[in-house]
Amino acid sequence: MRLSPVTRRRLAIFRQHRRGYISFWIFLAVFGASLFAEFIANDRPLLISFNGALYFPVLQDYSEEVALARIYAGFHYRFSADVGKEMGKKIGEQVIATLLRRQ
């Protein structure tokens, strides 16, 4: 990118103001980190290893996708899909609690 002489001069003056220049880079770093805040600080795990397979629940909501597919296909109504997801969540919690008790 070619910069005009006026722009180069303005950048040089900005770089001479060390506090402002460093603050600018800190601001950019914090802003960049804030773009990933919802990805990092959520209630889902980033990675799960189960039976040798790796799953990324933070990237995809599998239960919602399956429930919507069954609703759109005409197999279920919305309320039955919601009840099914709740049952699946409770069954999963029970399985995890049982497996953790054995170890």
PDB file of N, CA and C in Angstrom:
ATOM      1  N   MET A   1       0.848  -1.166   0.000  1.00  0.00           N
ATOM      2  CA  MET A   1       0.000   0.000   0.000  1.00  0.00           C
ATOM      3  C   MET A   1       0.899   1.236   0.000  1.00  0.00           C
ATOM      4  N   ARG A   2       0.617   2.134  -0.894  1.00  0.00           N
ATOM      5  CA  ARG A   2       1.402   3.361  -0.988  1.00  0.00           C
ATOM      6  C   ARG A   2       0.740   4.437  -0.142  1.00  0.00           C
ATOM      7  N   LEU A   3       1.547   5.059   0.683  1.00  0.00           N
ATOM      8  CA  LEU A   3       1.061   6.137   1.538  1.00  0.00           C
ATOM      9  C   LEU A   3       1.587   7.467   1.026  1.00  0.00           C
ATOM     10  N   SER A   4       0.764   8.462   1.131  1.00  0.00           N
ATOM     11  CA  SER A   4       1.186   9.791   0.697  1.00  0.00           C
ATOM     12  C   SER A   4       2.190  10.346   1.720  1.00  0.00           C
ATOM     13  N   PRO A   5       2.995  11.314   1.333  1.00  0.00           N
ATOM     14  CA  PRO A   5       3.963  11.902   2.266  1.00  0.00           C
ATOM     15  C   PRO A   5       3.304  12.501   3.509  1.00  0.00           C
ATOM     16  N   VAL A   6       2.114  13.048   3.361  1.00  0.00           N
ATOM     17  CA  VAL A   6       1.411  13.627   4.510  1.00  0.00           C
ATOM     18  C   VAL A   6       1.020  12.521   5.494  1.00  0.00           C
ATOM     19  N   THR A   7       0.522  11.414   4.952  1.00  0.00           N
ATOM     20  CA  THR A   7       0.125  10.297   5.817  1.00  0.00           C
ATOM     21  C   THR A   7       1.336   9.707   6.517  1.00  0.00           C
ATOM     22  N   ARG A   8       2.463   9.565   5.803  1.00  0.00           N
ATOM     23  CA  ARG A   8       3.691   9.051   6.432  1.00  0.00           C
ATOM     24  C   ARG A   8       4.151   9.962   7.566  1.00  0.00           C
ATOM     25  N   ARG A   9       4.038  11.233   7.364  1.00  0.00           N
ATOM     26  CA  ARG A   9       4.442  12.197   8.398  1.00  0.00           C
ATOM     27  C   ARG A   9       3.528  12.080   9.620  1.00  0.00           C
ATOM     28  N   ARG A  10       2.219  11.945   9.375  1.00  0.00           N
ATOM     29  CA  ARG A  10       1.274  11.805  10.490  1.00  0.00           C
ATOM     30  C   ARG A  10       1.530  10.521  11.275  1.00  0.00           C
ATOM     31  N   LEU A  11       1.836   9.424  10.571  1.00  0.00           N
ATOM     32  CA  LEU A  11       2.161   8.166  11.259  1.00  0.00           C
ATOM     33  C   LEU A  11       3.434   8.294  12.081  1.00  0.00           C
ATOM     34  N   ALA A  12       4.415   8.974  11.529  1.00  0.00           N
ATOM     35  CA  ALA A  12       5.669   9.169  12.271  1.00  0.00           C
ATOM     36  C   ALA A  12       5.434   9.977  13.545  1.00  0.00           C
ATOM     37  N   ILE A  13       4.626  11.014  13.444  1.00  0.00           N
ATOM     38  CA  ILE A  13       4.310  11.822  14.635  1.00  0.00           C
ATOM     39  C   ILE A  13       3.538  10.971  15.652  1.00  0.00           C
ATOM     40  N   PHE A  14       2.591  10.137  15.169  1.00  0.00           N
ATOM     41  CA  PHE A  14       1.819   9.282  16.076  1.00  0.00           C
ATOM     42  C   PHE A  14       2.725   8.280  16.789  1.00  0.00           C
ATOM     43  N   ARG A  15       3.690   7.719  16.073  1.00  0.00           N
ATOM     44  CA  ARG A  15       4.622   6.761  16.687  1.00  0.00           C
ATOM     45  C   ARG A  15       5.519   7.425  17.720  1.00  0.00           C
ATOM     46  N   GLN A  16       5.783   8.696  17.570  1.00  0.00           N
ATOM     47  CA  GLN A  16       6.613   9.402  18.542  1.00  0.00           C
ATOM     48  C   GLN A  16       5.893   9.563  19.876  1.00  0.00           C
ATOM     49  N   HIS A  17       4.572   9.610  19.830  1.00  0.00           N
ATOM     50  CA  HIS A  17       3.789   9.669  21.070  1.00  0.00           C
ATOM     51  C   HIS A  17       3.654   8.247  21.590  1.00  0.00           C
ATOM     52  N   ARG A  18       4.678   7.811  22.353  1.00  0.00           N
ATOM     53  CA  ARG A  18       4.778   6.410  22.763  1.00  0.00           C
ATOM     54  C   ARG A  18       3.551   5.930  23.531  1.00  0.00           C
ATOM     55  N   ARG A  19       3.060   6.718  24.446  1.00  0.00           N
ATOM     56  CA  ARG A  19       1.923   6.289  25.261  1.00  0.00           C
ATOM     57  C   ARG A  19       0.691   6.038  24.386  1.00  0.00           C
ATOM     58  N   GLY A  20       0.429   6.924  23.451  1.00  0.00           N
ATOM     59  CA  GLY A  20      -0.701   6.744  22.551  1.00  0.00           C
ATOM     60  C   GLY A  20      -0.505   5.573  21.606  1.00  0.00           C
ATOM     61  N   TYR A  21       0.717   5.392  21.127  1.00  0.00           N
ATOM     62  CA  TYR A  21       1.026   4.302  20.203  1.00  0.00           C
ATOM     63  C   TYR A  21       0.874   2.953  20.895  1.00  0.00           C
ATOM     64  N   ILE A  22       1.408   2.834  22.109  1.00  0.00           N
ATOM     65  CA  ILE A  22       1.291   1.581  22.864  1.00  0.00           C
ATOM     66  C   ILE A  22      -0.165   1.338  23.252  1.00  0.00           C
ATOM     67  N   SER A  23      -0.883   2.367  23.637  1.00  0.00           N
ATOM     68  CA  SER A  23      -2.298   2.236  23.979  1.00  0.00           C
ATOM     69  C   SER A  23      -3.105   1.757  22.780  1.00  0.00           C
ATOM     70  N   PHE A  24      -2.759   2.233  21.606  1.00  0.00           N
ATOM     71  CA  PHE A  24      -3.438   1.801  20.391  1.00  0.00           C
ATOM     72  C   PHE A  24      -3.283   0.304  20.185  1.00  0.00           C
ATOM     73  N   TRP A  25      -2.072  -0.228  20.345  1.00  0.00           N
ATOM     74  CA  TRP A  25      -1.831  -1.664  20.154  1.00  0.00           C
ATOM     75  C   TRP A  25      -2.488  -2.491  21.265  1.00  0.00           C
ATOM     76  N   ILE A  26      -2.490  -1.992  22.473  1.00  0.00           N
ATOM     77  CA  ILE A  26      -3.191  -2.689  23.559  1.00  0.00           C
ATOM     78  C   ILE A  26      -4.687  -2.731  23.274  1.00  0.00           C
ATOM     79  N   PHE A  27      -5.233  -1.616  22.814  1.00  0.00           N
ATOM     80  CA  PHE A  27      -6.642  -1.570  22.459  1.00  0.00           C
ATOM     81  C   PHE A  27      -6.961  -2.592  21.372  1.00  0.00           C
ATOM     82  N   LEU A  28      -6.131  -2.671  20.338  1.00  0.00           N
ATOM     83  CA  LEU A  28      -6.366  -3.639  19.269  1.00  0.00           C
ATOM     84  C   LEU A  28      -6.302  -5.074  19.784  1.00  0.00           C
ATOM     85  N   ALA A  29      -5.369  -5.378  20.693  1.00  0.00           N
ATOM     86  CA  ALA A  29      -5.253  -6.727  21.250  1.00  0.00           C
ATOM     87  C   ALA A  29      -6.483  -7.084  22.075  1.00  0.00           C
ATOM     88  N   VAL A  30      -6.943  -6.169  22.912  1.00  0.00           N
ATOM     89  CA  VAL A  30      -8.128  -6.426  23.739  1.00  0.00           C
ATOM     90  C   VAL A  30      -9.371  -6.550  22.861  1.00  0.00           C
ATOM     91  N   PHE A  31      -9.483  -5.715  21.852  1.00  0.00           N
ATOM     92  CA  PHE A  31     -10.612  -5.807  20.930  1.00  0.00           C
ATOM     93  C   PHE A  31     -10.609  -7.151  20.207  1.00  0.00           C
ATOM     94  N   GLY A  32      -9.437  -7.587  19.762  1.00  0.00           N
ATOM     95  CA  GLY A  32      -9.334  -8.891  19.094  1.00  0.00           C
ATOM     96  C   GLY A  32      -9.726 -10.034  20.023  1.00  0.00           C
ATOM     97  N   ALA A  33      -9.308  -9.960  21.288  1.00  0.00           N
ATOM     98  CA  ALA A  33      -9.689 -10.996  22.251  1.00  0.00           C
ATOM     99  C   ALA A  33     -11.188 -10.969  22.523  1.00  0.00           C
ATOM    100  N   SER A  34     -11.787  -9.795  22.501  1.00  0.00           N
ATOM    101  CA  SER A  34     -13.228  -9.702  22.784  1.00  0.00           C
ATOM    102  C   SER A  34     -14.065 -10.338  21.671  1.00  0.00           C
ATOM    103  N   LEU A  35     -13.514 -10.454  20.483  1.00  0.00           N
ATOM    104  CA  LEU A  35     -14.250 -11.094  19.397  1.00  0.00           C
ATOM    105  C   LEU A  35     -14.479 -12.575  19.669  1.00  0.00           C
ATOM    106  N   PHE A  36     -13.599 -13.198  20.463  1.00  0.00           N
ATOM    107  CA  PHE A  36     -13.710 -14.618  20.777  1.00  0.00           C
ATOM    108  C   PHE A  36     -14.264 -14.862  22.175  1.00  0.00           C
ATOM    109  N   ALA A  37     -14.729 -13.829  22.855  1.00  0.00           N
ATOM    110  CA  ALA A  37     -15.180 -13.971  24.245  1.00  0.00           C
ATOM    111  C   ALA A  37     -16.361 -14.913  24.372  1.00  0.00           C
ATOM    112  N   GLU A  38     -17.329 -14.812  23.499  1.00  0.00           N
ATOM    113  CA  GLU A  38     -18.499 -15.681  23.592  1.00  0.00           C
ATOM    114  C   GLU A  38     -18.136 -17.129  23.289  1.00  0.00           C
ATOM    115  N   PHE A  39     -17.164 -17.344  22.449  1.00  0.00           N
ATOM    116  CA  PHE A  39     -16.699 -18.697  22.130  1.00  0.00           C
ATOM    117  C   PHE A  39     -15.989 -19.330  23.320  1.00  0.00           C
ATOM    118  N   ILE A  40     -15.167 -18.548  24.009  1.00  0.00           N
ATOM    119  CA  ILE A  40     -14.356 -19.078  25.105  1.00  0.00           C
ATOM    120  C   ILE A  40     -15.155 -19.180  26.397  1.00  0.00           C
ATOM    121  N   ALA A  41     -15.935 -18.163  26.726  1.00  0.00           N
ATOM    122  CA  ALA A  41     -16.661 -18.121  28.004  1.00  0.00           C
ATOM    123  C   ALA A  41     -18.124 -18.484  27.779  1.00  0.00           C
ATOM    124  N   ASN A  42     -18.389 -19.782  27.677  1.00  0.00           N
ATOM    125  CA  ASN A  42     -19.767 -20.237  27.524  1.00  0.00           C
ATOM    126  C   ASN A  42     -19.982 -21.452  28.418  1.00  0.00           C
ATOM    127  N   ASP A  43     -21.168 -22.035  28.376  1.00  0.00           N
ATOM    128  CA  ASP A  43     -21.477 -23.148  29.257  1.00  0.00           C
ATOM    129  C   ASP A  43     -21.253 -24.511  28.603  1.00  0.00           C
ATOM    130  N   ARG A  44     -20.679 -24.537  27.422  1.00  0.00           N
ATOM    131  CA  ARG A  44     -20.398 -25.805  26.746  1.00  0.00           C
ATOM    132  C   ARG A  44     -18.890 -26.064  26.728  1.00  0.00           C
ATOM    133  N   PRO A  45     -18.498 -27.324  26.805  1.00  0.00           N
ATOM    134  CA  PRO A  45     -17.063 -27.631  26.707  1.00  0.00           C
ATOM    135  C   PRO A  45     -16.550 -27.391  25.287  1.00  0.00           C
ATOM    136  N   LEU A  46     -15.281 -27.058  25.182  1.00  0.00           N
ATOM    137  CA  LEU A  46     -14.689 -26.826  23.873  1.00  0.00           C
ATOM    138  C   LEU A  46     -14.424 -28.132  23.134  1.00  0.00           C
ATOM    139  N   LEU A  47     -14.038 -29.188  23.882  1.00  0.00           N
ATOM    140  CA  LEU A  47     -13.652 -30.459  23.274  1.00  0.00           C
ATOM    141  C   LEU A  47     -14.041 -31.594  24.192  1.00  0.00           C
ATOM    142  N   ILE A  48     -14.604 -32.669  23.619  1.00  0.00           N
ATOM    143  CA  ILE A  48     -14.945 -33.876  24.376  1.00  0.00           C
ATOM    144  C   ILE A  48     -14.347 -35.064  23.648  1.00  0.00           C
ATOM    145  N   SER A  49     -13.715 -35.950  24.392  1.00  0.00           N
ATOM    146  CA  SER A  49     -13.231 -37.209  23.846  1.00  0.00           C
ATOM    147  C   SER A  49     -14.099 -38.322  24.424  1.00  0.00           C
ATOM    148  N   PHE A  50     -14.780 -39.073  23.557  1.00  0.00           N
ATOM    149  CA  PHE A  50     -15.663 -40.145  23.997  1.00  0.00           C
ATOM    150  C   PHE A  50     -15.485 -41.338  23.079  1.00  0.00           C
ATOM    151  N   ASN A  51     -15.103 -42.473  23.652  1.00  0.00           N
ATOM    152  CA  ASN A  51     -14.860 -43.716  22.902  1.00  0.00           C
ATOM    153  C   ASN A  51     -13.890 -43.501  21.744  1.00  0.00           C
ATOM    154  N   GLY A  52     -12.868 -42.734  21.981  1.00  0.00           N
ATOM    155  CA  GLY A  52     -11.848 -42.499  20.974  1.00  0.00           C
ATOM    156  C   GLY A  52     -12.207 -41.461  19.919  1.00  0.00           C
ATOM    157  N   ALA A  53     -13.391 -40.927  19.981  1.00  0.00           N
ATOM    158  CA  ALA A  53     -13.807 -39.905  19.010  1.00  0.00           C
ATOM    159  C   ALA A  53     -13.793 -38.537  19.680  1.00  0.00           C
ATOM    160  N   LEU A  54     -13.465 -37.516  18.909  1.00  0.00           N
ATOM    161  CA  LEU A  54     -13.440 -36.147  19.420  1.00  0.00           C
ATOM    162  C   LEU A  54     -14.685 -35.403  18.960  1.00  0.00           C
ATOM    163  N   TYR A  55     -15.328 -34.698  19.897  1.00  0.00           N
ATOM    164  CA  TYR A  55     -16.519 -33.909  19.603  1.00  0.00           C
ATOM    165  C   TYR A  55     -16.274 -32.472  20.038  1.00  0.00           C
ATOM    166  N   PHE A  56     -16.844 -31.535  19.301  1.00  0.00           N
ATOM    167  CA  PHE A  56     -16.710 -30.116  19.579  1.00  0.00           C
ATOM    168  C   PHE A  56     -18.090 -29.515  19.811  1.00  0.00           C
ATOM    169  N   PRO A  57     -18.661 -29.702  21.012  1.00  0.00           N
ATOM    170  CA  PRO A  57     -20.016 -29.212  21.256  1.00  0.00           C
ATOM    171  C   PRO A  57     -20.154 -27.700  21.177  1.00  0.00           C
ATOM    172  N   VAL A  58     -19.080 -26.988  21.410  1.00  0.00           N
ATOM    173  CA  VAL A  58     -19.156 -25.533  21.361  1.00  0.00           C
ATOM    174  C   VAL A  58     -19.397 -25.046  19.930  1.00  0.00           C
ATOM    175  N   LEU A  59     -19.022 -25.828  18.950  1.00  0.00           N
ATOM    176  CA  LEU A  59     -19.176 -25.424  17.560  1.00  0.00           C
ATOM    177  C   LEU A  59     -20.531 -25.775  16.977  1.00  0.00           C
ATOM    178  N   GLN A  60     -21.206 -26.775  17.571  1.00  0.00           N
ATOM    179  CA  GLN A  60     -22.465 -27.203  16.987  1.00  0.00           C
ATOM    180  C   GLN A  60     -23.407 -27.686  18.084  1.00  0.00           C
ATOM    181  N   ASP A  61     -24.655 -27.355  17.961  1.00  0.00           N
ATOM    182  CA  ASP A  61     -25.671 -27.828  18.897  1.00  0.00           C
ATOM    183  C   ASP A  61     -26.362 -29.019  18.248  1.00  0.00           C
ATOM    184  N   TYR A  62     -25.865 -30.217  18.551  1.00  0.00           N
ATOM    185  CA  TYR A  62     -26.342 -31.416  17.879  1.00  0.00           C
ATOM    186  C   TYR A  62     -27.809 -31.705  18.189  1.00  0.00           C
ATOM    187  N   SER A  63     -28.216 -31.565  19.444  1.00  0.00           N
ATOM    188  CA  SER A  63     -29.589 -31.902  19.800  1.00  0.00           C
ATOM    189  C   SER A  63     -30.582 -30.955  19.123  1.00  0.00           C
ATOM    190  N   GLU A  64     -30.247 -29.699  19.035  1.00  0.00           N
ATOM    191  CA  GLU A  64     -31.148 -28.741  18.383  1.00  0.00           C
ATOM    192  C   GLU A  64     -31.260 -29.033  16.891  1.00  0.00           C
ATOM    193  N   GLU A  65     -30.156 -29.385  16.278  1.00  0.00           N
ATOM    194  CA  GLU A  65     -30.162 -29.679  14.845  1.00  0.00           C
ATOM    195  C   GLU A  65     -31.019 -30.909  14.536  1.00  0.00           C
ATOM    196  N   VAL A  66     -30.868 -31.959  15.339  1.00  0.00           N
ATOM    197  CA  VAL A  66     -31.643 -33.181  15.118  1.00  0.00           C
ATOM    198  C   VAL A  66     -33.124 -32.921  15.383  1.00  0.00           C
ATOM    199  N   ALA A  67     -33.434 -32.191  16.449  1.00  0.00           N
ATOM    200  CA  ALA A  67     -34.830 -31.905  16.773  1.00  0.00           C
ATOM    201  C   ALA A  67     -35.493 -31.099  15.652  1.00  0.00           C
ATOM    202  N   LEU A  68     -34.803 -30.096  15.148  1.00  0.00           N
ATOM    203  CA  LEU A  68     -35.378 -29.292  14.060  1.00  0.00           C
ATOM    204  C   LEU A  68     -35.560 -30.119  12.796  1.00  0.00           C
ATOM    205  N   ALA A  69     -34.633 -31.015  12.519  1.00  0.00           N
ATOM    206  CA  ALA A  69     -34.767 -31.860  11.331  1.00  0.00           C
ATOM    207  C   ALA A  69     -35.998 -32.747  11.431  1.00  0.00           C
ATOM    208  N   ARG A  70     -36.252 -33.291  12.614  1.00  0.00           N
ATOM    209  CA  ARG A  70     -37.419 -34.158  12.803  1.00  0.00           C
ATOM    210  C   ARG A  70     -38.727 -33.354  12.771  1.00  0.00           C
ATOM    211  N   ILE A  71     -38.680 -32.116  13.234  1.00  0.00           N
ATOM    212  CA  ILE A  71     -39.881 -31.266  13.163  1.00  0.00           C
ATOM    213  C   ILE A  71     -40.172 -30.904  11.708  1.00  0.00           C
ATOM    214  N   TYR A  72     -39.137 -30.486  10.975  1.00  0.00           N
ATOM    215  CA  TYR A  72     -39.330 -30.088   9.579  1.00  0.00           C
ATOM    216  C   TYR A  72     -39.741 -31.268   8.699  1.00  0.00           C
ATOM    217  N   ALA A  73     -39.282 -32.470   9.064  1.00  0.00           N
ATOM    218  CA  ALA A  73     -39.654 -33.659   8.288  1.00  0.00           C
ATOM    219  C   ALA A  73     -41.078 -34.102   8.580  1.00  0.00           C
ATOM    220  N   GLY A  74     -41.663 -33.574   9.660  1.00  0.00           N
ATOM    221  CA  GLY A  74     -43.031 -33.918   9.988  1.00  0.00           C
ATOM    222  C   GLY A  74     -43.163 -35.099  10.934  1.00  0.00           C
ATOM    223  N   PHE A  75     -42.048 -35.569  11.498  1.00  0.00           N
ATOM    224  CA  PHE A  75     -42.096 -36.703  12.416  1.00  0.00           C
ATOM    225  C   PHE A  75     -42.601 -36.297  13.798  1.00  0.00           C
ATOM    226  N   HIS A  76     -42.273 -35.097  14.244  1.00  0.00           N
ATOM    227  CA  HIS A  76     -42.620 -34.652  15.590  1.00  0.00           C
ATOM    228  C   HIS A  76     -43.142 -33.221  15.552  1.00  0.00           C
ATOM    229  N   TYR A  77     -43.858 -32.887  16.632  1.00  0.00           N
ATOM    230  CA  TYR A  77     -44.240 -31.508  16.870  1.00  0.00           C
ATOM    231  C   TYR A  77     -43.180 -30.862  17.760  1.00  0.00           C
ATOM    232  N   ARG A  78     -43.224 -29.555  17.866  1.00  0.00           N
ATOM    233  CA  ARG A  78     -42.220 -28.816  18.645  1.00  0.00           C
ATOM    234  C   ARG A  78     -42.201 -29.284  20.108  1.00  0.00           C
ATOM    235  N   PHE A  79     -43.378 -29.455  20.730  1.00  0.00           N
ATOM    236  CA  PHE A  79     -43.394 -29.805  22.149  1.00  0.00           C
ATOM    237  C   PHE A  79     -42.777 -31.178  22.393  1.00  0.00           C
ATOM    238  N   SER A  80     -42.985 -32.127  21.472  1.00  0.00           N
ATOM    239  CA  SER A  80     -42.395 -33.450  21.680  1.00  0.00           C
ATOM    240  C   SER A  80     -40.876 -33.405  21.491  1.00  0.00           C
ATOM    241  N   ALA A  81     -40.397 -32.553  20.620  1.00  0.00           N
ATOM    242  CA  ALA A  81     -38.948 -32.406  20.437  1.00  0.00           C
ATOM    243  C   ALA A  81     -38.320 -31.778  21.678  1.00  0.00           C
ATOM    244  N   ASP A  82     -39.015 -30.786  22.260  1.00  0.00           N
ATOM    245  CA  ASP A  82     -38.490 -30.163  23.482  1.00  0.00           C
ATOM    246  C   ASP A  82     -38.459 -31.150  24.635  1.00  0.00           C
ATOM    247  N   VAL A  83     -39.515 -31.950  24.781  1.00  0.00           N
ATOM    248  CA  VAL A  83     -39.547 -32.963  25.844  1.00  0.00           C
ATOM    249  C   VAL A  83     -38.459 -34.002  25.604  1.00  0.00           C
ATOM    250  N   GLY A  84     -38.257 -34.393  24.361  1.00  0.00           N
ATOM    251  CA  GLY A  84     -37.211 -35.364  24.034  1.00  0.00           C
ATOM    252  C   GLY A  84     -35.816 -34.849  24.355  1.00  0.00           C
ATOM    253  N   LYS A  85     -35.576 -33.566  24.074  1.00  0.00           N
ATOM    254  CA  LYS A  85     -34.262 -32.992  24.407  1.00  0.00           C
ATOM    255  C   LYS A  85     -34.045 -32.963  25.914  1.00  0.00           C
ATOM    256  N   GLU A  86     -35.093 -32.626  26.670  1.00  0.00           N
ATOM    257  CA  GLU A  86     -34.983 -32.620  28.138  1.00  0.00           C
ATOM    258  C   GLU A  86     -34.706 -34.021  28.669  1.00  0.00           C
ATOM    259  N   MET A  87     -35.403 -35.014  28.114  1.00  0.00           N
ATOM    260  CA  MET A  87     -35.170 -36.397  28.543  1.00  0.00           C
ATOM    261  C   MET A  87     -33.740 -36.819  28.211  1.00  0.00           C
ATOM    262  N   GLY A  88     -33.285 -36.465  27.026  1.00  0.00           N
ATOM    263  CA  GLY A  88     -31.922 -36.813  26.635  1.00  0.00           C
ATOM    264  C   GLY A  88     -30.891 -36.170  27.538  1.00  0.00           C
ATOM    265  N   LYS A  89     -31.131 -34.922  27.938  1.00  0.00           N
ATOM    266  CA  LYS A  89     -30.215 -34.234  28.842  1.00  0.00           C
ATOM    267  C   LYS A  89     -30.167 -34.943  30.196  1.00  0.00           C
ATOM    268  N   LYS A  90     -31.344 -35.337  30.712  1.00  0.00           N
ATOM    269  CA  LYS A  90     -31.391 -36.029  32.007  1.00  0.00           C
ATOM    270  C   LYS A  90     -30.730 -37.397  31.921  1.00  0.00           C
ATOM    271  N   ILE A  91     -30.945 -38.114  30.833  1.00  0.00           N
ATOM    272  CA  ILE A  91     -30.311 -39.419  30.656  1.00  0.00           C
ATOM    273  C   ILE A  91     -28.795 -39.251  30.589  1.00  0.00           C
ATOM    274  N   GLY A  92     -28.333 -38.254  29.849  1.00  0.00           N
ATOM    275  CA  GLY A  92     -26.892 -37.999  29.764  1.00  0.00           C
ATOM    276  C   GLY A  92     -26.285 -37.668  31.111  1.00  0.00           C
ATOM    277  N   GLU A  93     -26.983 -36.856  31.892  1.00  0.00           N
ATOM    278  CA  GLU A  93     -26.482 -36.522  33.230  1.00  0.00           C
ATOM    279  C   GLU A  93     -26.421 -37.767  34.112  1.00  0.00           C
ATOM    280  N   GLN A  94     -27.422 -38.654  33.991  1.00  0.00           N
ATOM    281  CA  GLN A  94     -27.437 -39.880  34.777  1.00  0.00           C
ATOM    282  C   GLN A  94     -26.296 -40.809  34.361  1.00  0.00           C
ATOM    283  N   VAL A  95     -26.055 -40.924  33.063  1.00  0.00           N
ATOM    284  CA  VAL A  95     -24.966 -41.775  32.572  1.00  0.00           C
ATOM    285  C   VAL A  95     -23.623 -41.244  33.056  1.00  0.00           C
ATOM    286  N   ILE A  96     -23.426 -39.953  32.969  1.00  0.00           N
ATOM    287  CA  ILE A  96     -22.155 -39.368  33.421  1.00  0.00           C
ATOM    288  C   ILE A  96     -21.986 -39.574  34.923  1.00  0.00           C
ATOM    289  N   ALA A  97     -23.051 -39.369  35.688  1.00  0.00           N
ATOM    290  CA  ALA A  97     -22.963 -39.568  37.140  1.00  0.00           C
ATOM    291  C   ALA A  97     -22.649 -41.020  37.467  1.00  0.00           C
ATOM    292  N   THR A  98     -23.234 -41.961  36.733  1.00  0.00           N
ATOM    293  CA  THR A  98     -22.989 -43.382  36.971  1.00  0.00           C
ATOM    294  C   THR A  98     -21.555 -43.749  36.600  1.00  0.00           C
ATOM    295  N   LEU A  99     -21.078 -43.276  35.469  1.00  0.00           N
ATOM    296  CA  LEU A  99     -19.715 -43.586  35.046  1.00  0.00           C
ATOM    297  C   LEU A  99     -18.687 -42.980  35.994  1.00  0.00           C
ATOM    298  N   LEU A 100     -18.945 -41.790  36.482  1.00  0.00           N
ATOM    299  CA  LEU A 100     -17.994 -41.150  37.395  1.00  0.00           C
ATOM    300  C   LEU A 100     -17.978 -41.830  38.750  1.00  0.00           C
ATOM    301  N   ARG A 101     -19.109 -42.407  39.172  1.00  0.00           N
ATOM    302  CA  ARG A 101     -19.146 -43.105  40.466  1.00  0.00           C
ATOM    303  C   ARG A 101     -18.329 -44.379  40.421  1.00  0.00           C
ATOM    304  N   ARG A 102     -18.277 -45.088  39.272  1.00  0.00           N
ATOM    305  CA  ARG A 102     -17.543 -46.341  39.173  1.00  0.00           C
ATOM    306  C   ARG A 102     -16.039 -46.145  39.258  1.00  0.00           C
ATOM    307  N   GLN A 103     -15.557 -45.005  38.832  1.00  0.00           N
ATOM    308  CA  GLN A 103     -14.097 -44.801  38.788  1.00  0.00           C
ATOM    309  C   GLN A 103     -13.534 -44.362  40.073  1.00  0.00           C
TER     310      GLN A 103
END
